[in-house]
Amino acid sequence: MGISRYNSEGYYDPTTYEALSAVGKLEKEAMAAKRAYRPLVYICSPFSGDTDGNTQRARRYCRFAVRNGCIPLAPHLLFPQFMDDTKPAERNLALFMDIVLLGKCDQLWVFGKEISAGMAAEIGKAEKKNMTIRYFTEELKEAAV
């Protein structure tokens, strides 16, 4: 049902029609702009140890972020594709690059109850930058801090 050009008595009413049409257009534009914005969130979760299981969990965390209107960034899913986490020099370089990417994000989302050394460094950096930090369980429920 659209906006009628006629008032309730059936008379042509262009002023009201134009005003209501303009309001409707502004509301649609505001809703589109709101949908278009997706904050960049850094996914902070364990990688070392059970790398296969941790990789699967990180993928699930990223899907969760997308479903919640965000753009996830999980460097621990990217860097192991071409860097060796078992070599200390490459691990340190990857952690450095993680911190650089963290600086580009709007929020840090921490998943799981265990905080690894790498995660602790990321959380510490986010705290120094006064970033929004949200904590979630492995079951994707927000945890109280």
C-alpha atoms as a PDB file:
ATOM      1  CA  MET A   1       0.000   0.000   0.000  1.00  0.00           C
ATOM      2  CA  GLY A   2       1.536   3.270  -1.105  1.00  0.00           C
ATOM      3  CA  ILE A   3       0.954   6.889  -0.252  1.00  0.00           C
ATOM      4  CA  SER A   4      -2.160   8.315  -1.840  1.00  0.00           C
ATOM      5  CA  ARG A   5      -2.182  11.608  -3.731  1.00  0.00           C
ATOM      6  CA  TYR A   6      -5.668  12.197  -2.329  1.00  0.00           C
ATOM      7  CA  ASN A   7      -6.762  12.991   1.208  1.00  0.00           C
ATOM      8  CA  SER A   8      -9.310  10.976   3.193  1.00  0.00           C
ATOM      9  CA  GLU A   9     -12.147  13.024   1.653  1.00  0.00           C
ATOM     10  CA  GLY A  10     -10.980  12.231  -1.877  1.00  0.00           C
ATOM     11  CA  TYR A  11      -9.492  15.644  -2.718  1.00  0.00           C
ATOM     12  CA  TYR A  12      -6.143  15.926  -4.511  1.00  0.00           C
ATOM     13  CA  ASP A  13      -3.505  16.820  -1.863  1.00  0.00           C
ATOM     14  CA  PRO A  14      -0.049  17.219  -3.479  1.00  0.00           C
ATOM     15  CA  THR A  15       1.600  18.875  -0.440  1.00  0.00           C
ATOM     16  CA  THR A  16       0.885  16.002   1.937  1.00  0.00           C
ATOM     17  CA  TYR A  17       1.756  13.449  -0.759  1.00  0.00           C
ATOM     18  CA  GLU A  18       5.158  15.072  -1.451  1.00  0.00           C
ATOM     19  CA  ALA A  19       5.968  15.429   2.269  1.00  0.00           C
ATOM     20  CA  LEU A  20       5.098  11.814   3.089  1.00  0.00           C
ATOM     21  CA  SER A  21       6.937  10.564  -0.003  1.00  0.00           C
ATOM     22  CA  ALA A  22      10.077  12.479   1.037  1.00  0.00           C
ATOM     23  CA  VAL A  23       9.915  11.038   4.566  1.00  0.00           C
ATOM     24  CA  GLY A  24       9.494   7.526   3.180  1.00  0.00           C
ATOM     25  CA  LYS A  25      12.474   7.998   0.869  1.00  0.00           C
ATOM     26  CA  LEU A  26      14.660   9.266   3.729  1.00  0.00           C
ATOM     27  CA  GLU A  27      13.659   6.288   5.887  1.00  0.00           C
ATOM     28  CA  LYS A  28      14.600   3.849   3.095  1.00  0.00           C
ATOM     29  CA  GLU A  29      17.964   5.583   2.577  1.00  0.00           C
ATOM     30  CA  ALA A  30      18.712   5.488   6.311  1.00  0.00           C
ATOM     31  CA  MET A  31      17.883   1.789   6.490  1.00  0.00           C
ATOM     32  CA  ALA A  32      20.062   1.055   3.446  1.00  0.00           C
ATOM     33  CA  ALA A  33      22.984   2.991   4.932  1.00  0.00           C
ATOM     34  CA  LYS A  34      22.604   1.153   8.222  1.00  0.00           C
ATOM     35  CA  ARG A  35      22.628  -2.225   6.453  1.00  0.00           C
ATOM     36  CA  ALA A  36      25.635  -1.246   4.358  1.00  0.00           C
ATOM     37  CA  TYR A  37      27.903  -0.582   7.347  1.00  0.00           C
ATOM     38  CA  ARG A  38      29.589  -3.663   8.771  1.00  0.00           C
ATOM     39  CA  PRO A  39      32.257  -3.130  11.414  1.00  0.00           C
ATOM     40  CA  LEU A  40      35.585  -4.920  10.978  1.00  0.00           C
ATOM     41  CA  VAL A  41      36.068  -7.277  13.931  1.00  0.00           C
ATOM     42  CA  TYR A  42      39.266  -9.086  14.820  1.00  0.00           C
ATOM     43  CA  ILE A  43      38.676 -12.733  15.694  1.00  0.00           C
ATOM     44  CA  CYS A  44      40.896 -13.712  18.620  1.00  0.00           C
ATOM     45  CA  SER A  45      41.001 -17.444  19.330  1.00  0.00           C
ATOM     46  CA  PRO A  46      43.634 -20.127  19.940  1.00  0.00           C
ATOM     47  CA  PHE A  47      45.637 -21.557  17.043  1.00  0.00           C
ATOM     48  CA  SER A  48      48.618 -23.510  18.406  1.00  0.00           C
ATOM     49  CA  GLY A  49      48.203 -26.999  19.797  1.00  0.00           C
ATOM     50  CA  ASP A  50      45.173 -28.568  18.120  1.00  0.00           C
ATOM     51  CA  THR A  51      45.609 -26.574  14.907  1.00  0.00           C
ATOM     52  CA  ASP A  52      43.005 -28.561  12.953  1.00  0.00           C
ATOM     53  CA  GLY A  53      40.353 -28.207  15.649  1.00  0.00           C
ATOM     54  CA  ASN A  54      41.267 -24.578  16.333  1.00  0.00           C
ATOM     55  CA  THR A  55      41.068 -23.785  12.613  1.00  0.00           C
ATOM     56  CA  GLN A  56      37.574 -25.281  12.408  1.00  0.00           C
ATOM     57  CA  ARG A  57      36.486 -23.319  15.465  1.00  0.00           C
ATOM     58  CA  ALA A  58      37.945 -20.068  14.048  1.00  0.00           C
ATOM     59  CA  ARG A  59      35.966 -20.620  10.843  1.00  0.00           C
ATOM     60  CA  ARG A  60      32.807 -21.061  12.905  1.00  0.00           C
ATOM     61  CA  TYR A  61      33.593 -17.858  14.822  1.00  0.00           C
ATOM     62  CA  CYS A  62      34.004 -15.983  11.527  1.00  0.00           C
ATOM     63  CA  ARG A  63      30.644 -17.258  10.255  1.00  0.00           C
ATOM     64  CA  PHE A  64      29.119 -16.115  13.556  1.00  0.00           C
ATOM     65  CA  ALA A  65      30.560 -12.605  13.047  1.00  0.00           C
ATOM     66  CA  VAL A  66      29.166 -12.434   9.507  1.00  0.00           C
ATOM     67  CA  ARG A  67      25.721 -13.544  10.716  1.00  0.00           C
ATOM     68  CA  ASN A  68      25.915 -10.713  13.258  1.00  0.00           C
ATOM     69  CA  GLY A  69      26.540  -8.033  10.629  1.00  0.00           C
ATOM     70  CA  CYS A  70      30.323  -7.805  10.888  1.00  0.00           C
ATOM     71  CA  ILE A  71      33.338  -8.369   8.674  1.00  0.00           C
ATOM     72  CA  PRO A  72      35.581 -10.879  10.457  1.00  0.00           C
ATOM     73  CA  LEU A  73      39.363 -10.736  10.283  1.00  0.00           C
ATOM     74  CA  ALA A  74      41.124 -13.894  11.489  1.00  0.00           C
ATOM     75  CA  PRO A  75      44.835 -13.736  10.613  1.00  0.00           C
ATOM     76  CA  HIS A  76      45.411 -17.156  12.174  1.00  0.00           C
ATOM     77  CA  LEU A  77      43.359 -18.583   9.297  1.00  0.00           C
ATOM     78  CA  LEU A  78      45.415 -16.719   6.698  1.00  0.00           C
ATOM     79  CA  PHE A  79      49.058 -16.623   7.797  1.00  0.00           C
ATOM     80  CA  PRO A  80      49.502 -20.388   8.355  1.00  0.00           C
ATOM     81  CA  GLN A  81      48.799 -20.796   4.643  1.00  0.00           C
ATOM     82  CA  PHE A  82      52.278 -19.481   3.875  1.00  0.00           C
ATOM     83  CA  MET A  83      54.086 -19.148   7.229  1.00  0.00           C
ATOM     84  CA  ASP A  84      55.351 -21.864   9.579  1.00  0.00           C
ATOM     85  CA  ASP A  85      54.081 -21.406  13.146  1.00  0.00           C
ATOM     86  CA  THR A  86      56.714 -23.853  14.434  1.00  0.00           C
ATOM     87  CA  LYS A  87      59.591 -21.560  13.376  1.00  0.00           C
ATOM     88  CA  PRO A  88      60.081 -18.871  16.044  1.00  0.00           C
ATOM     89  CA  ALA A  89      61.131 -16.155  13.576  1.00  0.00           C
ATOM     90  CA  GLU A  90      58.076 -16.724  11.377  1.00  0.00           C
ATOM     91  CA  ARG A  91      55.748 -16.964  14.387  1.00  0.00           C
ATOM     92  CA  ASN A  92      57.058 -13.639  15.750  1.00  0.00           C
ATOM     93  CA  LEU A  93      56.628 -12.001  12.345  1.00  0.00           C
ATOM     94  CA  ALA A  94      53.077 -13.355  12.108  1.00  0.00           C
ATOM     95  CA  LEU A  95      52.273 -12.007  15.588  1.00  0.00           C
ATOM     96  CA  PHE A  96      53.652  -8.615  14.567  1.00  0.00           C
ATOM     97  CA  MET A  97      51.445  -8.637  11.454  1.00  0.00           C
ATOM     98  CA  ASP A  98      48.475  -9.697  13.606  1.00  0.00           C
ATOM     99  CA  ILE A  99      48.932  -6.607  15.765  1.00  0.00           C
ATOM    100  CA  VAL A 100      49.150  -4.362  12.685  1.00  0.00           C
ATOM    101  CA  LEU A 101      45.877  -5.773  11.365  1.00  0.00           C
ATOM    102  CA  LEU A 102      44.256  -5.483  14.788  1.00  0.00           C
ATOM    103  CA  GLY A 103      44.886  -1.724  14.592  1.00  0.00           C
ATOM    104  CA  LYS A 104      42.622  -1.547  11.523  1.00  0.00           C
ATOM    105  CA  CYS A 105      39.665  -3.175  13.291  1.00  0.00           C
ATOM    106  CA  ASP A 106      36.737  -1.643  15.163  1.00  0.00           C
ATOM    107  CA  GLN A 107      36.429  -4.384  17.775  1.00  0.00           C
ATOM    108  CA  LEU A 108      38.216  -7.430  19.166  1.00  0.00           C
ATOM    109  CA  TRP A 109      36.122 -10.558  19.704  1.00  0.00           C
ATOM    110  CA  VAL A 110      37.721 -13.137  21.996  1.00  0.00           C
ATOM    111  CA  PHE A 111      36.470 -16.734  21.806  1.00  0.00           C
ATOM    112  CA  GLY A 112      36.928 -19.583  24.264  1.00  0.00           C
ATOM    113  CA  LYS A 113      37.938 -19.824  27.896  1.00  0.00           C
ATOM    114  CA  GLU A 114      41.662 -20.403  27.321  1.00  0.00           C
ATOM    115  CA  ILE A 115      43.824 -17.374  26.503  1.00  0.00           C
ATOM    116  CA  SER A 116      47.054 -18.249  24.675  1.00  0.00           C
ATOM    117  CA  ALA A 117      50.180 -16.065  24.761  1.00  0.00           C
ATOM    118  CA  GLY A 118      49.372 -14.711  21.295  1.00  0.00           C
ATOM    119  CA  MET A 119      45.793 -13.933  22.301  1.00  0.00           C
ATOM    120  CA  ALA A 120      47.032 -12.177  25.448  1.00  0.00           C
ATOM    121  CA  ALA A 121      49.247  -9.931  23.302  1.00  0.00           C
ATOM    122  CA  GLU A 122      46.294  -9.085  21.050  1.00  0.00           C
ATOM    123  CA  ILE A 123      44.021  -8.356  24.012  1.00  0.00           C
ATOM    124  CA  GLY A 124      46.707  -6.183  25.618  1.00  0.00           C
ATOM    125  CA  LYS A 125      47.123  -4.151  22.434  1.00  0.00           C
ATOM    126  CA  ALA A 126      43.351  -3.705  22.083  1.00  0.00           C
ATOM    127  CA  GLU A 127      43.130  -2.516  25.692  1.00  0.00           C
ATOM    128  CA  LYS A 128      45.880   0.053  25.083  1.00  0.00           C
ATOM    129  CA  LYS A 129      43.944   1.342  22.067  1.00  0.00           C
ATOM    130  CA  ASN A 130      40.696   1.449  24.097  1.00  0.00           C
ATOM    131  CA  MET A 131      39.028  -0.832  21.563  1.00  0.00           C
ATOM    132  CA  THR A 132      35.724  -2.518  22.257  1.00  0.00           C
ATOM    133  CA  ILE A 133      36.530  -6.061  23.406  1.00  0.00           C
ATOM    134  CA  ARG A 134      33.793  -8.685  23.526  1.00  0.00           C
ATOM    135  CA  TYR A 135      34.199 -12.148  25.016  1.00  0.00           C
ATOM    136  CA  PHE A 136      32.333 -15.221  23.768  1.00  0.00           C
ATOM    137  CA  THR A 137      32.209 -18.856  24.788  1.00  0.00           C
ATOM    138  CA  GLU A 138      33.049 -21.639  22.349  1.00  0.00           C
ATOM    139  CA  GLU A 139      29.255 -22.064  22.035  1.00  0.00           C
ATOM    140  CA  LEU A 140      29.009 -18.486  20.677  1.00  0.00           C
ATOM    141  CA  LYS A 141      27.333 -17.004  23.744  1.00  0.00           C
ATOM    142  CA  GLU A 142      28.545 -13.633  24.963  1.00  0.00           C
ATOM    143  CA  ALA A 143      30.346 -14.015  28.264  1.00  0.00           C
ATOM    144  CA  ALA A 144      30.308 -11.584  31.142  1.00  0.00           C
ATOM    145  CA  VAL A 145      33.720 -10.074  31.762  1.00  0.00           C
END
